[in-house]
Amino acid sequence: MQIRHSFEFWNKTAGFGLFFISILVYTLTLEPSTSLWDCAEYITSSYLLQIGHPPGAPIFAMLARLFAVCGEFFGLSPAFSINLMNAIFASLGVFWVYHSTVLLAKKIALQCCTILDTNKTIAIIGSGVVSASSLIFLDTYWFNATEAEV
């Protein structure tokens, strides 16, 4: 019972820790305005609730408009607010990857026995930390997390 409680505690701590680390990294390196490629088009079409180039991204546009309006309330530019939205959602993606990896590793570790010892707990949580940390600092993912890109 104590080991299970310990696993749950460290699992949640590592997951939220990675989420906040990724939020910090992406926010500190966030684009303050628009950048090249489609980012300016996505910001403009989202702010004005227009249709972007095909196939469009209606859910992205509606959520970006919501973030832009909320950002203006706090004195932020629409471009920065929409880029911040991408950083938050990318951090949620890191959180999801961590928990997916832990879930799969736990299923594999519990195939042979039903008890999680300390070594298995470290291995399971460590595999989730490694996969999520790799995603945080992956070049393409980082660039898409810090600019308005679908």
N, C-alpha and C. Protein backbone atom coordinates (compact mmCIF):
# COMPACT_ATOMS: atom_id res chain seq x y z
N MET A 1 0.83 -1.20 0.00
CA MET A 1 0.00 0.00 0.00
C MET A 1 0.87 1.26 0.00
N GLN A 2 1.94 1.24 0.79
CA GLN A 2 2.83 2.40 0.85
C GLN A 2 3.53 2.64 -0.47
N ILE A 3 3.91 1.55 -1.16
CA ILE A 3 4.60 1.70 -2.45
C ILE A 3 3.65 2.30 -3.49
N ARG A 4 2.40 1.85 -3.50
CA ARG A 4 1.42 2.39 -4.44
C ARG A 4 1.21 3.88 -4.20
N HIS A 5 1.08 4.25 -2.93
CA HIS A 5 0.94 5.67 -2.61
C HIS A 5 2.18 6.45 -3.06
N SER A 6 3.33 5.86 -2.87
CA SER A 6 4.56 6.52 -3.29
C SER A 6 4.60 6.66 -4.80
N PHE A 7 4.17 5.63 -5.53
CA PHE A 7 4.14 5.71 -6.99
C PHE A 7 3.19 6.81 -7.45
N GLU A 8 2.00 6.86 -6.88
CA GLU A 8 1.03 7.89 -7.26
C GLU A 8 1.57 9.29 -6.98
N PHE A 9 2.18 9.47 -5.84
CA PHE A 9 2.73 10.77 -5.48
C PHE A 9 3.82 11.20 -6.46
N TRP A 10 4.80 10.31 -6.71
CA TRP A 10 5.91 10.68 -7.59
C TRP A 10 5.46 10.80 -9.04
N ASN A 11 4.46 10.03 -9.43
CA ASN A 11 3.92 10.13 -10.79
C ASN A 11 3.29 11.51 -11.02
N LYS A 12 2.47 11.94 -10.10
CA LYS A 12 1.83 13.25 -10.23
C LYS A 12 2.85 14.38 -10.12
N THR A 13 3.80 14.24 -9.20
CA THR A 13 4.82 15.27 -9.03
C THR A 13 5.66 15.43 -10.30
N ALA A 14 6.09 14.32 -10.87
CA ALA A 14 6.90 14.38 -12.09
C ALA A 14 6.09 14.94 -13.26
N GLY A 15 4.83 14.53 -13.38
CA GLY A 15 4.00 15.01 -14.48
C GLY A 15 3.78 16.52 -14.42
N PHE A 16 3.39 17.01 -13.26
CA PHE A 16 3.17 18.45 -13.13
C PHE A 16 4.48 19.22 -13.18
N GLY A 17 5.57 18.62 -12.67
CA GLY A 17 6.87 19.27 -12.77
C GLY A 17 7.30 19.47 -14.21
N LEU A 18 7.12 18.44 -15.04
CA LEU A 18 7.44 18.57 -16.46
C LEU A 18 6.54 19.57 -17.15
N PHE A 19 5.28 19.61 -16.76
CA PHE A 19 4.35 20.59 -17.33
C PHE A 19 4.83 22.01 -17.04
N PHE A 20 5.20 22.28 -15.80
CA PHE A 20 5.63 23.62 -15.44
C PHE A 20 7.01 23.97 -16.01
N ILE A 21 7.88 22.99 -16.14
CA ILE A 21 9.17 23.23 -16.79
C ILE A 21 8.96 23.61 -18.25
N SER A 22 8.08 22.88 -18.93
CA SER A 22 7.83 23.20 -20.34
C SER A 22 7.15 24.55 -20.49
N ILE A 23 6.22 24.87 -19.62
CA ILE A 23 5.59 26.21 -19.66
C ILE A 23 6.66 27.28 -19.49
N LEU A 24 7.57 27.09 -18.54
CA LEU A 24 8.62 28.07 -18.29
C LEU A 24 9.54 28.21 -19.50
N VAL A 25 9.98 27.10 -20.06
CA VAL A 25 10.89 27.13 -21.21
C VAL A 25 10.21 27.79 -22.40
N TYR A 26 8.98 27.41 -22.69
CA TYR A 26 8.30 27.95 -23.86
C TYR A 26 7.93 29.42 -23.67
N THR A 27 7.57 29.82 -22.46
CA THR A 27 7.21 31.21 -22.22
C THR A 27 8.44 32.12 -22.30
N LEU A 28 9.57 31.65 -21.80
CA LEU A 28 10.79 32.46 -21.85
C LEU A 28 11.31 32.62 -23.27
N THR A 29 10.99 31.69 -24.15
CA THR A 29 11.48 31.75 -25.53
C THR A 29 10.36 32.06 -26.53
N LEU A 30 9.26 32.60 -26.05
CA LEU A 30 8.08 32.87 -26.87
C LEU A 30 8.35 34.00 -27.87
N GLU A 31 7.78 33.86 -29.06
CA GLU A 31 7.85 34.93 -30.05
C GLU A 31 7.03 36.12 -29.54
N PRO A 32 7.59 37.32 -29.47
CA PRO A 32 6.82 38.46 -28.98
C PRO A 32 5.79 38.96 -29.99
N SER A 33 5.99 38.64 -31.23
CA SER A 33 5.07 39.09 -32.28
C SER A 33 4.94 37.96 -33.30
N THR A 34 4.80 38.31 -34.55
CA THR A 34 4.66 37.28 -35.57
C THR A 34 6.04 36.86 -36.08
N SER A 35 6.07 35.71 -36.70
CA SER A 35 7.29 35.23 -37.33
C SER A 35 6.95 34.82 -38.77
N LEU A 36 7.90 34.26 -39.43
CA LEU A 36 7.68 33.90 -40.84
C LEU A 36 6.69 32.75 -40.99
N TRP A 37 6.43 32.37 -42.20
CA TRP A 37 5.54 31.28 -42.61
C TRP A 37 4.09 31.66 -42.37
N ASP A 38 3.33 30.76 -41.81
CA ASP A 38 1.89 30.97 -41.69
C ASP A 38 1.47 31.64 -40.39
N CYS A 39 2.42 31.94 -39.53
CA CYS A 39 2.06 32.44 -38.20
C CYS A 39 1.29 33.76 -38.25
N ALA A 40 1.73 34.67 -39.08
CA ALA A 40 1.03 35.96 -39.18
C ALA A 40 -0.39 35.76 -39.71
N GLU A 41 -0.54 34.86 -40.66
CA GLU A 41 -1.89 34.60 -41.19
C GLU A 41 -2.78 33.99 -40.13
N TYR A 42 -2.26 33.04 -39.36
CA TYR A 42 -3.06 32.44 -38.29
C TYR A 42 -3.44 33.45 -37.22
N ILE A 43 -2.53 34.32 -36.87
CA ILE A 43 -2.83 35.34 -35.86
C ILE A 43 -3.88 36.30 -36.37
N THR A 44 -3.72 36.77 -37.60
CA THR A 44 -4.68 37.72 -38.17
C THR A 44 -6.06 37.11 -38.35
N SER A 45 -6.10 35.92 -38.93
CA SER A 45 -7.41 35.29 -39.15
C SER A 45 -8.08 34.89 -37.85
N SER A 46 -7.30 34.54 -36.84
CA SER A 46 -7.90 34.22 -35.54
C SER A 46 -8.40 35.46 -34.83
N TYR A 47 -7.62 36.51 -34.89
CA TYR A 47 -8.02 37.74 -34.20
C TYR A 47 -9.29 38.33 -34.81
N LEU A 48 -9.41 38.26 -36.13
CA LEU A 48 -10.57 38.82 -36.81
C LEU A 48 -11.66 37.79 -37.06
N LEU A 49 -11.46 36.56 -36.61
CA LEU A 49 -12.38 35.44 -36.83
C LEU A 49 -12.70 35.26 -38.31
N GLN A 50 -11.65 35.21 -39.10
CA GLN A 50 -11.80 34.96 -40.53
C GLN A 50 -11.31 33.55 -40.82
N ILE A 51 -11.39 33.18 -42.08
CA ILE A 51 -10.98 31.84 -42.48
C ILE A 51 -9.57 31.90 -43.01
N GLY A 52 -8.71 31.06 -42.45
CA GLY A 52 -7.33 30.98 -42.93
C GLY A 52 -7.26 30.12 -44.17
N HIS A 53 -6.05 29.87 -44.64
CA HIS A 53 -5.91 29.08 -45.86
C HIS A 53 -6.38 27.64 -45.61
N PRO A 54 -6.81 26.97 -46.69
CA PRO A 54 -7.34 25.61 -46.54
C PRO A 54 -6.32 24.68 -45.90
N PRO A 55 -6.68 23.77 -45.08
CA PRO A 55 -8.04 23.44 -44.70
C PRO A 55 -8.58 24.30 -43.57
N GLY A 56 -7.84 25.29 -43.18
CA GLY A 56 -8.29 26.15 -42.08
C GLY A 56 -8.11 25.45 -40.76
N ALA A 57 -8.41 26.12 -39.73
CA ALA A 57 -8.32 25.52 -38.39
C ALA A 57 -9.36 26.22 -37.52
N PRO A 58 -10.63 25.86 -37.65
CA PRO A 58 -11.68 26.62 -36.95
C PRO A 58 -11.58 26.56 -35.43
N ILE A 59 -11.23 25.41 -34.87
CA ILE A 59 -11.11 25.33 -33.41
C ILE A 59 -9.93 26.17 -32.94
N PHE A 60 -8.83 26.09 -33.68
CA PHE A 60 -7.67 26.92 -33.35
C PHE A 60 -8.05 28.39 -33.40
N ALA A 61 -8.78 28.80 -34.45
CA ALA A 61 -9.15 30.21 -34.60
C ALA A 61 -10.05 30.68 -33.45
N MET A 62 -11.01 29.86 -33.06
CA MET A 62 -11.91 30.26 -31.97
C MET A 62 -11.17 30.34 -30.63
N LEU A 63 -10.33 29.35 -30.35
CA LEU A 63 -9.56 29.40 -29.10
C LEU A 63 -8.56 30.55 -29.10
N ALA A 64 -7.95 30.80 -30.26
CA ALA A 64 -6.99 31.91 -30.36
C ALA A 64 -7.69 33.24 -30.15
N ARG A 65 -8.90 33.39 -30.69
CA ARG A 65 -9.66 34.62 -30.48
C ARG A 65 -9.96 34.82 -29.00
N LEU A 66 -10.31 33.74 -28.32
CA LEU A 66 -10.58 33.81 -26.88
C LEU A 66 -9.32 34.24 -26.12
N PHE A 67 -8.18 33.67 -26.47
CA PHE A 67 -6.92 34.06 -25.82
C PHE A 67 -6.55 35.50 -26.16
N ALA A 68 -6.81 35.93 -27.39
CA ALA A 68 -6.48 37.30 -27.78
C ALA A 68 -7.32 38.31 -26.99
N VAL A 69 -8.61 38.02 -26.83
CA VAL A 69 -9.49 38.92 -26.07
C VAL A 69 -9.07 38.96 -24.61
N CYS A 70 -8.78 37.78 -24.04
CA CYS A 70 -8.34 37.74 -22.64
C CYS A 70 -6.99 38.43 -22.47
N GLY A 71 -6.11 38.27 -23.46
CA GLY A 71 -4.80 38.92 -23.40
C GLY A 71 -4.90 40.42 -23.47
N GLU A 72 -5.83 40.94 -24.29
CA GLU A 72 -6.02 42.40 -24.35
C GLU A 72 -6.50 42.95 -23.02
N PHE A 73 -7.26 42.16 -22.29
CA PHE A 73 -7.72 42.59 -20.97
C PHE A 73 -6.52 42.80 -20.04
N PHE A 74 -5.48 41.98 -20.20
CA PHE A 74 -4.28 42.10 -19.37
C PHE A 74 -3.21 42.97 -20.02
N GLY A 75 -3.52 43.59 -21.14
CA GLY A 75 -2.57 44.49 -21.78
C GLY A 75 -1.56 43.81 -22.69
N LEU A 76 -1.82 42.58 -23.10
CA LEU A 76 -0.92 41.85 -23.99
C LEU A 76 -1.37 42.04 -25.44
N SER A 77 -0.43 41.97 -26.34
CA SER A 77 -0.79 42.08 -27.76
C SER A 77 -1.46 40.77 -28.19
N PRO A 78 -2.32 40.84 -29.21
CA PRO A 78 -2.97 39.62 -29.70
C PRO A 78 -1.97 38.56 -30.17
N ALA A 79 -0.89 39.00 -30.80
CA ALA A 79 0.11 38.04 -31.28
C ALA A 79 0.76 37.30 -30.11
N PHE A 80 1.12 38.02 -29.08
CA PHE A 80 1.74 37.39 -27.91
C PHE A 80 0.76 36.45 -27.22
N SER A 81 -0.49 36.86 -27.12
CA SER A 81 -1.51 36.03 -26.47
C SER A 81 -1.73 34.72 -27.23
N ILE A 82 -1.78 34.80 -28.54
CA ILE A 82 -1.99 33.59 -29.34
C ILE A 82 -0.75 32.70 -29.29
N ASN A 83 0.43 33.30 -29.29
CA ASN A 83 1.64 32.50 -29.13
C ASN A 83 1.69 31.84 -27.75
N LEU A 84 1.20 32.55 -26.74
CA LEU A 84 1.12 31.99 -25.39
C LEU A 84 0.15 30.82 -25.34
N MET A 85 -0.93 30.91 -26.09
CA MET A 85 -1.88 29.80 -26.17
C MET A 85 -1.18 28.55 -26.70
N ASN A 86 -0.38 28.72 -27.74
CA ASN A 86 0.35 27.57 -28.28
C ASN A 86 1.32 27.00 -27.26
N ALA A 87 1.96 27.84 -26.48
CA ALA A 87 2.88 27.36 -25.46
C ALA A 87 2.15 26.55 -24.40
N ILE A 88 0.98 27.00 -24.01
CA ILE A 88 0.20 26.29 -22.99
C ILE A 88 -0.27 24.94 -23.53
N PHE A 89 -0.77 24.92 -24.76
CA PHE A 89 -1.25 23.66 -25.33
C PHE A 89 -0.10 22.70 -25.62
N ALA A 90 1.06 23.22 -25.99
CA ALA A 90 2.22 22.36 -26.19
C ALA A 90 2.67 21.75 -24.86
N SER A 91 2.56 22.52 -23.78
CA SER A 91 2.91 21.99 -22.46
C SER A 91 1.91 20.93 -22.02
N LEU A 92 0.65 21.10 -22.38
CA LEU A 92 -0.32 20.04 -22.11
C LEU A 92 0.00 18.79 -22.91
N GLY A 93 0.55 18.97 -24.11
CA GLY A 93 0.99 17.83 -24.90
C GLY A 93 2.15 17.10 -24.24
N VAL A 94 3.06 17.83 -23.65
CA VAL A 94 4.17 17.21 -22.91
C VAL A 94 3.63 16.43 -21.71
N PHE A 95 2.67 17.00 -21.01
CA PHE A 95 2.03 16.35 -19.88
C PHE A 95 1.36 15.05 -20.32
N TRP A 96 0.69 15.08 -21.46
CA TRP A 96 0.02 13.89 -21.99
C TRP A 96 1.02 12.82 -22.39
N VAL A 97 2.12 13.20 -23.03
CA VAL A 97 3.15 12.24 -23.43
C VAL A 97 3.75 11.57 -22.20
N TYR A 98 4.00 12.35 -21.15
CA TYR A 98 4.55 11.77 -19.93
C TYR A 98 3.60 10.70 -19.38
N HIS A 99 2.34 11.04 -19.22
CA HIS A 99 1.40 10.10 -18.63
C HIS A 99 1.12 8.90 -19.54
N SER A 100 1.15 9.09 -20.84
CA SER A 100 0.99 7.96 -21.76
C SER A 100 2.16 7.00 -21.65
N THR A 101 3.36 7.54 -21.57
CA THR A 101 4.55 6.70 -21.44
C THR A 101 4.53 5.94 -20.12
N VAL A 102 4.16 6.61 -19.04
CA VAL A 102 4.09 5.96 -17.73
C VAL A 102 3.03 4.86 -17.75
N LEU A 103 1.90 5.12 -18.37
CA LEU A 103 0.84 4.11 -18.44
C LEU A 103 1.31 2.86 -19.19
N LEU A 104 1.95 3.07 -20.34
CA LEU A 104 2.45 1.93 -21.11
C LEU A 104 3.57 1.19 -20.38
N ALA A 105 4.49 1.92 -19.76
CA ALA A 105 5.58 1.28 -19.03
C ALA A 105 5.06 0.52 -17.81
N LYS A 106 4.05 1.05 -17.17
CA LYS A 106 3.47 0.37 -16.01
C LYS A 106 2.78 -0.93 -16.43
N LYS A 107 2.09 -0.90 -17.56
CA LYS A 107 1.45 -2.13 -18.06
C LYS A 107 2.48 -3.19 -18.40
N ILE A 108 3.59 -2.78 -18.98
CA ILE A 108 4.65 -3.73 -19.32
C ILE A 108 5.30 -4.26 -18.04
N ALA A 109 5.54 -3.39 -17.06
CA ALA A 109 6.21 -3.82 -15.83
C ALA A 109 5.33 -4.73 -14.99
N LEU A 110 4.02 -4.59 -15.08
CA LEU A 110 3.12 -5.40 -14.26
C LEU A 110 2.67 -6.68 -14.97
N GLN A 111 3.26 -7.01 -16.11
CA GLN A 111 2.90 -8.25 -16.79
C GLN A 111 3.38 -9.47 -16.02
N CYS A 112 4.57 -9.36 -15.43
CA CYS A 112 5.15 -10.53 -14.76
C CYS A 112 4.74 -10.62 -13.29
N CYS A 113 4.45 -9.52 -12.65
CA CYS A 113 4.07 -9.54 -11.24
C CYS A 113 3.10 -8.40 -10.97
N THR A 114 2.48 -8.41 -9.81
CA THR A 114 1.46 -7.42 -9.50
C THR A 114 1.93 -6.34 -8.54
N ILE A 115 3.17 -6.44 -8.08
CA ILE A 115 3.68 -5.48 -7.10
C ILE A 115 4.74 -4.59 -7.75
N LEU A 116 4.64 -3.30 -7.50
CA LEU A 116 5.65 -2.36 -7.97
C LEU A 116 6.67 -2.13 -6.86
N ASP A 117 7.89 -2.59 -7.08
CA ASP A 117 8.93 -2.30 -6.11
C ASP A 117 9.59 -0.97 -6.46
N THR A 118 10.56 -0.58 -5.67
CA THR A 118 11.20 0.73 -5.85
C THR A 118 11.92 0.83 -7.20
N ASN A 119 12.59 -0.23 -7.61
CA ASN A 119 13.32 -0.20 -8.88
C ASN A 119 12.37 -0.04 -10.07
N LYS A 120 11.25 -0.75 -10.03
CA LYS A 120 10.28 -0.63 -11.12
C LYS A 120 9.64 0.76 -11.13
N THR A 121 9.37 1.28 -9.96
CA THR A 121 8.81 2.63 -9.88
C THR A 121 9.76 3.65 -10.49
N ILE A 122 11.04 3.55 -10.16
CA ILE A 122 12.03 4.48 -10.71
C ILE A 122 12.13 4.31 -12.23
N ALA A 123 12.10 3.07 -12.70
CA ALA A 123 12.20 2.82 -14.13
C ALA A 123 10.98 3.34 -14.88
N ILE A 124 9.81 3.15 -14.33
CA ILE A 124 8.58 3.60 -14.98
C ILE A 124 8.53 5.12 -15.05
N ILE A 125 8.72 5.76 -13.91
CA ILE A 125 8.67 7.22 -13.88
C ILE A 125 9.84 7.82 -14.66
N GLY A 126 10.99 7.19 -14.59
CA GLY A 126 12.15 7.65 -15.36
C GLY A 126 11.91 7.59 -16.86
N SER A 127 11.24 6.54 -17.33
CA SER A 127 10.95 6.46 -18.76
C SER A 127 10.00 7.57 -19.20
N GLY A 128 9.04 7.89 -18.34
CA GLY A 128 8.14 9.00 -18.66
C GLY A 128 8.86 10.34 -18.67
N VAL A 129 9.75 10.53 -17.72
CA VAL A 129 10.51 11.78 -17.66
C VAL A 129 11.41 11.93 -18.87
N VAL A 130 12.06 10.84 -19.28
CA VAL A 130 12.95 10.91 -20.44
C VAL A 130 12.16 11.21 -21.72
N SER A 131 11.03 10.54 -21.90
CA SER A 131 10.26 10.78 -23.14
C SER A 131 9.68 12.19 -23.18
N ALA A 132 9.14 12.67 -22.06
CA ALA A 132 8.57 14.02 -22.04
C ALA A 132 9.66 15.09 -22.13
N SER A 133 10.80 14.86 -21.49
CA SER A 133 11.89 15.83 -21.60
C SER A 133 12.43 15.90 -23.01
N SER A 134 12.47 14.76 -23.67
CA SER A 134 12.90 14.75 -25.07
C SER A 134 11.95 15.56 -25.92
N LEU A 135 10.66 15.45 -25.64
CA LEU A 135 9.68 16.22 -26.41
C LEU A 135 9.78 17.71 -26.13
N ILE A 136 10.03 18.08 -24.88
CA ILE A 136 10.14 19.50 -24.54
C ILE A 136 11.21 20.17 -25.39
N PHE A 137 12.35 19.53 -25.52
CA PHE A 137 13.49 20.15 -26.19
C PHE A 137 13.68 19.68 -27.62
N LEU A 138 12.69 19.00 -28.17
CA LEU A 138 12.73 18.62 -29.58
C LEU A 138 12.61 19.89 -30.43
N ASP A 139 13.47 20.02 -31.40
CA ASP A 139 13.60 21.25 -32.18
C ASP A 139 12.27 21.68 -32.82
N THR A 140 11.66 20.81 -33.56
CA THR A 140 10.42 21.15 -34.28
C THR A 140 9.29 21.46 -33.30
N TYR A 141 9.17 20.65 -32.27
CA TYR A 141 8.10 20.87 -31.29
C TYR A 141 8.29 22.20 -30.57
N TRP A 142 9.52 22.52 -30.23
CA TRP A 142 9.81 23.78 -29.53
C TRP A 142 9.44 24.97 -30.41
N PHE A 143 9.84 24.93 -31.68
CA PHE A 143 9.51 26.05 -32.56
C PHE A 143 8.01 26.21 -32.75
N ASN A 144 7.28 25.11 -32.87
CA ASN A 144 5.84 25.19 -33.03
C ASN A 144 5.15 25.59 -31.72
N ALA A 145 5.79 25.36 -30.60
CA ALA A 145 5.20 25.74 -29.32
C ALA A 145 5.35 27.22 -29.02
N THR A 146 6.30 27.88 -29.65
CA THR A 146 6.57 29.28 -29.32
C THR A 146 6.06 30.25 -30.38
N GLU A 147 5.32 29.76 -31.35
CA GLU A 147 4.73 30.63 -32.36
C GLU A 147 3.35 30.13 -32.71
N ALA A 148 2.56 30.95 -33.36
CA ALA A 148 1.19 30.60 -33.71
C ALA A 148 1.19 29.65 -34.91
N GLU A 149 1.26 28.38 -34.62
CA GLU A 149 1.27 27.36 -35.66
C GLU A 149 0.33 26.25 -35.24
N VAL A 150 -0.43 25.75 -36.20
CA VAL A 150 -1.39 24.68 -35.90
C VAL A 150 -0.67 23.36 -35.93
